[in-house]
């Protein structure tokens, strides 16, 4: 067996896998911290990994110096032509307090209800959380 210190390709592949594991563990920890999220969300397998679909918004694990859980508007719910920066609601929900986290999600749902109420003949959607 080859020592990984002497095989740069192996080191690079292992580092990539470790990052992917950290991203998935971040989502799992969020669900452990907020178990009620499980009933109103869906795990989605995307080309870049697994995301937590909240309806109009998504919690996407990203790697920026460390694993982060970014809350962003869904492309279909927002403007499909919008840049990523325009769609980001919160760069990382991990350090938020419980109150900050739930208030942020309520804001996302309130935006959804407001938009639905303005549509003629549409029933307002119930908040997910």
N, C-alpha and C. Protein backbone atom coordinates (compact mmCIF):
# COMPACT_ATOMS: atom_id res chain seq x y z
N UNK A 1 0.85 -1.18 0.00
CA UNK A 1 0.00 0.00 0.00
C UNK A 1 0.89 1.24 0.00
N UNK A 2 0.52 2.23 -0.80
CA UNK A 2 1.31 3.44 -0.95
C UNK A 2 1.01 4.42 0.18
N UNK A 3 2.06 5.02 0.70
CA UNK A 3 1.90 6.04 1.74
C UNK A 3 1.31 7.29 1.10
N UNK A 4 0.20 7.81 1.67
CA UNK A 4 -0.49 8.96 1.05
C UNK A 4 0.37 10.22 1.07
N UNK A 5 1.39 10.30 1.93
CA UNK A 5 2.27 11.47 1.96
C UNK A 5 3.14 11.54 0.71
N UNK A 6 3.37 10.40 0.07
CA UNK A 6 4.22 10.38 -1.11
C UNK A 6 3.40 10.33 -2.40
N UNK A 7 2.10 10.33 -2.30
CA UNK A 7 1.25 10.26 -3.49
C UNK A 7 0.32 11.48 -3.52
N UNK A 8 0.71 12.54 -4.24
CA UNK A 8 -0.08 13.77 -4.24
C UNK A 8 -1.49 13.57 -4.82
N UNK A 9 -1.65 12.70 -5.80
CA UNK A 9 -2.99 12.47 -6.36
C UNK A 9 -3.91 11.83 -5.33
N UNK A 10 -3.37 10.91 -4.55
CA UNK A 10 -4.16 10.29 -3.50
C UNK A 10 -4.54 11.32 -2.44
N UNK A 11 -3.57 12.15 -2.04
CA UNK A 11 -3.84 13.20 -1.05
C UNK A 11 -4.96 14.12 -1.52
N UNK A 12 -4.90 14.50 -2.78
CA UNK A 12 -5.90 15.42 -3.33
C UNK A 12 -7.30 14.77 -3.34
N UNK A 13 -7.37 13.52 -3.73
CA UNK A 13 -8.66 12.81 -3.76
C UNK A 13 -9.21 12.63 -2.35
N UNK A 14 -8.36 12.27 -1.41
CA UNK A 14 -8.80 12.11 -0.03
C UNK A 14 -9.29 13.43 0.56
N UNK A 15 -8.60 14.52 0.27
CA UNK A 15 -9.01 15.84 0.76
C UNK A 15 -10.37 16.21 0.18
N UNK A 16 -10.58 15.92 -1.09
CA UNK A 16 -11.87 16.21 -1.74
C UNK A 16 -13.00 15.42 -1.08
N UNK A 17 -12.75 14.14 -0.82
CA UNK A 17 -13.76 13.31 -0.16
C UNK A 17 -14.05 13.80 1.27
N UNK A 18 -13.01 14.20 1.97
CA UNK A 18 -13.19 14.70 3.33
C UNK A 18 -14.03 15.98 3.35
N UNK A 19 -13.85 16.84 2.34
CA UNK A 19 -14.67 18.05 2.25
C UNK A 19 -16.13 17.69 2.01
N UNK A 20 -16.37 16.74 1.11
CA UNK A 20 -17.76 16.32 0.83
C UNK A 20 -18.42 15.74 2.07
N UNK A 21 -17.68 14.95 2.82
CA UNK A 21 -18.21 14.38 4.06
C UNK A 21 -18.54 15.51 5.04
N UNK A 22 -17.67 16.50 5.16
CA UNK A 22 -17.90 17.63 6.08
C UNK A 22 -19.16 18.40 5.68
N UNK A 23 -19.39 18.56 4.39
CA UNK A 23 -20.58 19.27 3.92
C UNK A 23 -21.86 18.52 4.28
N UNK A 24 -21.86 17.22 4.07
CA UNK A 24 -23.03 16.41 4.41
C UNK A 24 -23.23 16.37 5.92
N UNK A 25 -22.14 16.26 6.67
CA UNK A 25 -22.24 16.27 8.13
C UNK A 25 -22.82 17.60 8.63
N UNK A 26 -22.50 18.70 7.94
CA UNK A 26 -23.06 20.00 8.30
C UNK A 26 -24.57 20.02 8.19
N UNK A 27 -25.10 19.47 7.09
CA UNK A 27 -26.55 19.37 6.92
C UNK A 27 -27.16 18.46 7.99
N UNK A 28 -26.51 17.34 8.24
CA UNK A 28 -27.02 16.41 9.25
C UNK A 28 -27.06 17.07 10.62
N UNK A 29 -26.04 17.83 10.96
CA UNK A 29 -26.00 18.53 12.25
C UNK A 29 -27.11 19.58 12.33
N UNK A 30 -27.39 20.26 11.23
CA UNK A 30 -28.48 21.24 11.21
C UNK A 30 -29.82 20.56 11.49
N UNK A 31 -30.03 19.40 10.88
CA UNK A 31 -31.27 18.65 11.13
C UNK A 31 -31.34 18.13 12.57
N UNK A 32 -30.21 17.76 13.14
CA UNK A 32 -30.20 17.34 14.55
C UNK A 32 -30.53 18.52 15.46
N UNK A 33 -30.00 19.68 15.12
CA UNK A 33 -30.23 20.89 15.92
C UNK A 33 -31.67 21.36 15.82
N UNK A 34 -32.26 21.22 14.61
CA UNK A 34 -33.64 21.65 14.36
C UNK A 34 -34.43 20.49 13.76
N UNK A 35 -34.80 19.50 14.56
CA UNK A 35 -35.47 18.31 14.03
C UNK A 35 -36.80 18.61 13.33
N UNK A 36 -37.46 19.71 13.68
CA UNK A 36 -38.73 20.03 13.03
C UNK A 36 -38.54 20.42 11.56
N UNK A 37 -37.32 20.71 11.16
CA UNK A 37 -37.05 20.99 9.74
C UNK A 37 -37.35 19.78 8.86
N UNK A 38 -37.19 18.61 9.40
CA UNK A 38 -37.34 17.38 8.61
C UNK A 38 -38.73 17.25 8.02
N UNK A 39 -39.76 17.68 8.73
CA UNK A 39 -41.13 17.49 8.24
C UNK A 39 -41.50 18.47 7.13
N UNK A 40 -40.85 19.61 7.05
CA UNK A 40 -41.23 20.60 6.05
C UNK A 40 -40.22 20.81 4.94
N UNK A 41 -39.25 19.92 4.84
CA UNK A 41 -38.19 20.09 3.85
C UNK A 41 -37.96 18.80 3.07
N UNK A 42 -37.19 18.91 2.01
CA UNK A 42 -36.85 17.75 1.19
C UNK A 42 -35.36 17.77 0.90
N UNK A 43 -34.72 16.63 1.03
CA UNK A 43 -33.33 16.53 0.60
C UNK A 43 -33.31 16.37 -0.91
N UNK A 44 -32.50 17.16 -1.57
CA UNK A 44 -32.38 17.10 -3.03
C UNK A 44 -30.95 16.77 -3.41
N UNK A 45 -30.82 15.82 -4.30
CA UNK A 45 -29.50 15.49 -4.84
C UNK A 45 -29.27 16.37 -6.06
N UNK A 46 -28.29 17.25 -5.95
CA UNK A 46 -27.95 18.16 -7.04
C UNK A 46 -26.58 17.77 -7.59
N UNK A 47 -26.22 18.36 -8.70
CA UNK A 47 -24.93 18.03 -9.30
C UNK A 47 -23.77 18.39 -8.36
N UNK A 48 -23.97 19.41 -7.52
CA UNK A 48 -22.92 19.82 -6.60
C UNK A 48 -23.00 19.17 -5.24
N UNK A 49 -23.97 18.29 -5.02
CA UNK A 49 -24.13 17.62 -3.74
C UNK A 49 -25.57 17.67 -3.27
N UNK A 50 -25.77 17.40 -2.00
CA UNK A 50 -27.10 17.34 -1.41
C UNK A 50 -27.47 18.72 -0.87
N UNK A 51 -28.73 19.13 -1.09
CA UNK A 51 -29.24 20.37 -0.54
C UNK A 51 -30.51 20.09 0.26
N UNK A 52 -30.90 21.03 1.08
CA UNK A 52 -32.13 20.94 1.85
C UNK A 52 -33.11 21.94 1.25
N UNK A 53 -34.12 21.44 0.57
CA UNK A 53 -35.09 22.27 -0.13
C UNK A 53 -36.18 22.73 0.84
N UNK A 54 -36.34 24.05 0.96
CA UNK A 54 -37.32 24.65 1.86
C UNK A 54 -38.55 25.15 1.11
N UNK A 55 -38.63 24.90 -0.16
CA UNK A 55 -39.71 25.45 -0.98
C UNK A 55 -39.13 26.51 -1.89
N UNK A 56 -39.25 27.77 -1.49
CA UNK A 56 -38.72 28.86 -2.31
C UNK A 56 -37.23 29.10 -2.07
N UNK A 57 -36.70 28.51 -1.02
CA UNK A 57 -35.30 28.69 -0.69
C UNK A 57 -34.65 27.33 -0.44
N UNK A 58 -33.33 27.34 -0.44
CA UNK A 58 -32.55 26.12 -0.29
C UNK A 58 -31.40 26.37 0.67
N UNK A 59 -31.12 25.39 1.51
CA UNK A 59 -29.89 25.42 2.31
C UNK A 59 -28.90 24.52 1.59
N UNK A 60 -27.83 25.16 1.13
CA UNK A 60 -26.83 24.47 0.32
C UNK A 60 -25.50 24.45 1.05
N UNK A 61 -24.95 23.26 1.31
CA UNK A 61 -23.63 23.22 1.91
C UNK A 61 -22.57 23.64 0.89
N UNK A 62 -21.71 24.55 1.29
CA UNK A 62 -20.63 25.02 0.42
C UNK A 62 -19.33 25.03 1.21
N UNK A 63 -18.23 24.97 0.48
CA UNK A 63 -16.91 25.00 1.11
C UNK A 63 -16.26 26.34 0.80
N UNK A 64 -16.11 27.18 1.84
CA UNK A 64 -15.37 28.44 1.74
C UNK A 64 -14.45 28.48 2.96
N UNK A 65 -13.29 27.92 2.82
CA UNK A 65 -12.32 27.77 3.91
C UNK A 65 -12.76 26.76 4.96
N UNK A 66 -14.05 26.46 5.00
CA UNK A 66 -14.63 25.46 5.90
C UNK A 66 -16.04 25.17 5.38
N UNK A 67 -16.67 24.19 5.96
CA UNK A 67 -18.05 23.86 5.57
C UNK A 67 -18.98 24.96 6.08
N UNK A 68 -19.83 25.45 5.19
CA UNK A 68 -20.83 26.47 5.53
C UNK A 68 -22.17 26.02 4.97
N UNK A 69 -23.24 26.47 5.60
CA UNK A 69 -24.59 26.17 5.13
C UNK A 69 -25.23 27.47 4.66
N UNK A 70 -25.24 27.65 3.34
CA UNK A 70 -25.72 28.90 2.75
C UNK A 70 -27.21 28.80 2.45
N UNK A 71 -27.96 29.80 2.87
CA UNK A 71 -29.39 29.89 2.55
C UNK A 71 -29.53 30.80 1.35
N UNK A 72 -30.16 30.27 0.31
CA UNK A 72 -30.32 31.06 -0.91
C UNK A 72 -31.70 30.82 -1.51
N UNK A 73 -32.15 31.83 -2.25
CA UNK A 73 -33.42 31.68 -2.96
C UNK A 73 -33.28 30.62 -4.03
N UNK A 74 -34.30 29.85 -4.22
CA UNK A 74 -34.33 28.86 -5.28
C UNK A 74 -34.39 29.59 -6.62
N UNK A 75 -33.70 29.08 -7.62
CA UNK A 75 -33.67 29.73 -8.93
C UNK A 75 -35.06 29.86 -9.53
N UNK A 76 -35.89 28.84 -9.36
CA UNK A 76 -37.23 28.88 -9.94
C UNK A 76 -38.13 29.86 -9.20
N UNK A 77 -37.90 30.06 -7.90
CA UNK A 77 -38.71 30.96 -7.11
C UNK A 77 -38.25 32.40 -7.24
N UNK A 78 -36.98 32.58 -7.51
CA UNK A 78 -36.40 33.91 -7.67
C UNK A 78 -36.31 34.17 -9.16
N UNK A 79 -35.55 35.10 -9.57
CA UNK A 79 -35.33 35.38 -10.97
C UNK A 79 -34.25 34.43 -11.49
N UNK A 80 -34.57 33.62 -12.48
CA UNK A 80 -33.60 32.64 -13.00
C UNK A 80 -32.35 33.32 -13.56
N UNK A 81 -32.47 34.57 -13.94
CA UNK A 81 -31.33 35.30 -14.50
C UNK A 81 -30.49 35.98 -13.42
N UNK A 82 -30.97 35.92 -12.18
CA UNK A 82 -30.26 36.59 -11.09
C UNK A 82 -28.92 35.91 -10.82
N UNK A 83 -27.97 36.72 -10.41
CA UNK A 83 -26.66 36.17 -10.07
C UNK A 83 -26.74 35.47 -8.72
N UNK A 84 -25.74 34.68 -8.43
CA UNK A 84 -25.69 33.97 -7.16
C UNK A 84 -25.71 34.96 -6.00
N UNK A 85 -24.98 36.05 -6.11
CA UNK A 85 -24.93 37.04 -5.03
C UNK A 85 -26.31 37.62 -4.74
N UNK A 86 -27.13 37.78 -5.77
CA UNK A 86 -28.49 38.30 -5.58
C UNK A 86 -29.39 37.27 -4.90
N UNK A 87 -29.11 36.00 -5.09
CA UNK A 87 -29.95 34.94 -4.53
C UNK A 87 -29.57 34.56 -3.10
N UNK A 88 -28.39 34.93 -2.64
CA UNK A 88 -27.95 34.55 -1.29
C UNK A 88 -28.74 35.35 -0.25
N UNK A 89 -29.35 34.62 0.66
CA UNK A 89 -30.09 35.22 1.77
C UNK A 89 -29.16 35.33 2.98
N UNK A 90 -28.42 34.27 3.26
CA UNK A 90 -27.47 34.23 4.38
C UNK A 90 -26.29 33.34 3.97
N UNK A 91 -25.08 33.86 4.08
CA UNK A 91 -23.90 33.14 3.64
C UNK A 91 -23.65 31.88 4.47
N UNK A 92 -24.05 31.90 5.75
CA UNK A 92 -23.87 30.73 6.60
C UNK A 92 -24.86 30.79 7.76
N UNK A 93 -25.78 29.83 7.81
CA UNK A 93 -26.78 29.80 8.89
C UNK A 93 -26.24 29.11 10.15
N UNK A 94 -25.10 28.47 10.05
CA UNK A 94 -24.55 27.70 11.17
C UNK A 94 -24.34 28.53 12.43
N UNK A 95 -23.72 29.72 12.35
CA UNK A 95 -23.46 30.45 13.60
C UNK A 95 -24.67 31.22 14.15
N UNK A 96 -25.79 31.21 13.44
CA UNK A 96 -26.96 31.96 13.90
C UNK A 96 -27.52 31.36 15.19
N UNK A 97 -28.05 32.23 16.03
CA UNK A 97 -28.74 31.74 17.23
C UNK A 97 -30.05 31.09 16.76
N UNK A 98 -30.68 30.37 17.66
CA UNK A 98 -31.95 29.72 17.31
C UNK A 98 -32.97 30.76 16.86
N UNK A 99 -33.09 31.86 17.60
CA UNK A 99 -34.05 32.91 17.24
C UNK A 99 -33.73 33.52 15.89
N UNK A 100 -32.46 33.81 15.63
CA UNK A 100 -32.07 34.38 14.34
C UNK A 100 -32.39 33.43 13.20
N UNK A 101 -32.12 32.15 13.41
CA UNK A 101 -32.38 31.14 12.38
C UNK A 101 -33.86 31.07 12.05
N UNK A 102 -34.71 30.93 13.07
CA UNK A 102 -36.15 30.80 12.83
C UNK A 102 -36.74 32.08 12.26
N UNK A 103 -36.26 33.24 12.70
CA UNK A 103 -36.74 34.50 12.14
C UNK A 103 -36.38 34.63 10.67
N UNK A 104 -35.21 34.17 10.32
CA UNK A 104 -34.80 34.19 8.91
C UNK A 104 -35.70 33.30 8.07
N UNK A 105 -36.01 32.11 8.56
CA UNK A 105 -36.90 31.21 7.82
C UNK A 105 -38.32 31.76 7.75
N UNK A 106 -38.77 32.42 8.81
CA UNK A 106 -40.10 33.04 8.79
C UNK A 106 -40.14 34.14 7.73
N UNK A 107 -39.06 34.89 7.60
CA UNK A 107 -38.99 35.94 6.58
C UNK A 107 -39.12 35.34 5.19
N UNK A 108 -38.44 34.22 4.96
CA UNK A 108 -38.53 33.54 3.66
C UNK A 108 -39.97 33.13 3.40
N UNK A 109 -40.62 32.56 4.41
CA UNK A 109 -42.01 32.12 4.25
C UNK A 109 -42.96 33.30 4.12
N UNK A 110 -42.71 34.41 4.83
CA UNK A 110 -43.56 35.59 4.71
C UNK A 110 -43.49 36.15 3.30
N UNK A 111 -42.29 36.18 2.74
CA UNK A 111 -42.14 36.63 1.35
C UNK A 111 -42.96 35.76 0.44
N UNK A 112 -42.98 34.46 0.70
CA UNK A 112 -43.74 33.51 -0.10
C UNK A 112 -45.23 33.79 0.03
N UNK A 113 -45.72 34.03 1.25
CA UNK A 113 -47.14 34.29 1.47
C UNK A 113 -47.55 35.60 0.82
N UNK A 114 -46.71 36.63 0.93
CA UNK A 114 -47.02 37.92 0.36
C UNK A 114 -47.16 37.82 -1.15
N UNK A 115 -46.23 37.11 -1.79
CA UNK A 115 -46.27 36.96 -3.24
C UNK A 115 -47.50 36.16 -3.65
N UNK A 116 -47.84 35.12 -2.92
CA UNK A 116 -48.98 34.28 -3.26
C UNK A 116 -50.28 35.05 -3.07
N UNK A 117 -50.38 35.88 -2.01
CA UNK A 117 -51.59 36.66 -1.77
C UNK A 117 -51.85 37.65 -2.89
N UNK A 118 -50.79 38.14 -3.53
CA UNK A 118 -50.95 39.12 -4.59
C UNK A 118 -51.44 38.49 -5.88
N UNK A 119 -51.22 37.19 -6.07
CA UNK A 119 -51.68 36.51 -7.26
C UNK A 119 -53.19 36.36 -7.18
N UNK A 120 -53.90 36.76 -8.25
CA UNK A 120 -55.35 36.65 -8.24
C UNK A 120 -55.77 35.19 -8.30
N UNK A 121 -56.75 34.85 -7.48
CA UNK A 121 -57.29 33.50 -7.50
C UNK A 121 -56.42 32.46 -6.84
N UNK A 122 -55.31 32.85 -6.24
CA UNK A 122 -54.42 31.88 -5.61
C UNK A 122 -54.71 31.80 -4.12
N UNK A 123 -54.62 30.61 -3.60
CA UNK A 123 -54.74 30.39 -2.17
C UNK A 123 -53.38 30.68 -1.54
N UNK A 124 -53.33 31.38 -0.42
CA UNK A 124 -52.04 31.59 0.23
C UNK A 124 -51.47 30.26 0.72
N UNK A 125 -50.17 30.09 0.53
CA UNK A 125 -49.52 28.86 0.99
C UNK A 125 -49.22 28.98 2.46
N UNK A 126 -49.36 27.87 3.16
CA UNK A 126 -49.03 27.83 4.58
C UNK A 126 -47.51 27.80 4.73
N UNK A 127 -46.99 28.48 5.75
CA UNK A 127 -45.55 28.41 5.99
C UNK A 127 -45.13 26.97 6.28
N UNK A 128 -43.94 26.65 5.86
CA UNK A 128 -43.41 25.31 6.07
C UNK A 128 -43.08 25.11 7.55
N UNK A 129 -42.66 26.14 8.23
CA UNK A 129 -42.17 25.98 9.60
C UNK A 129 -43.10 26.62 10.60
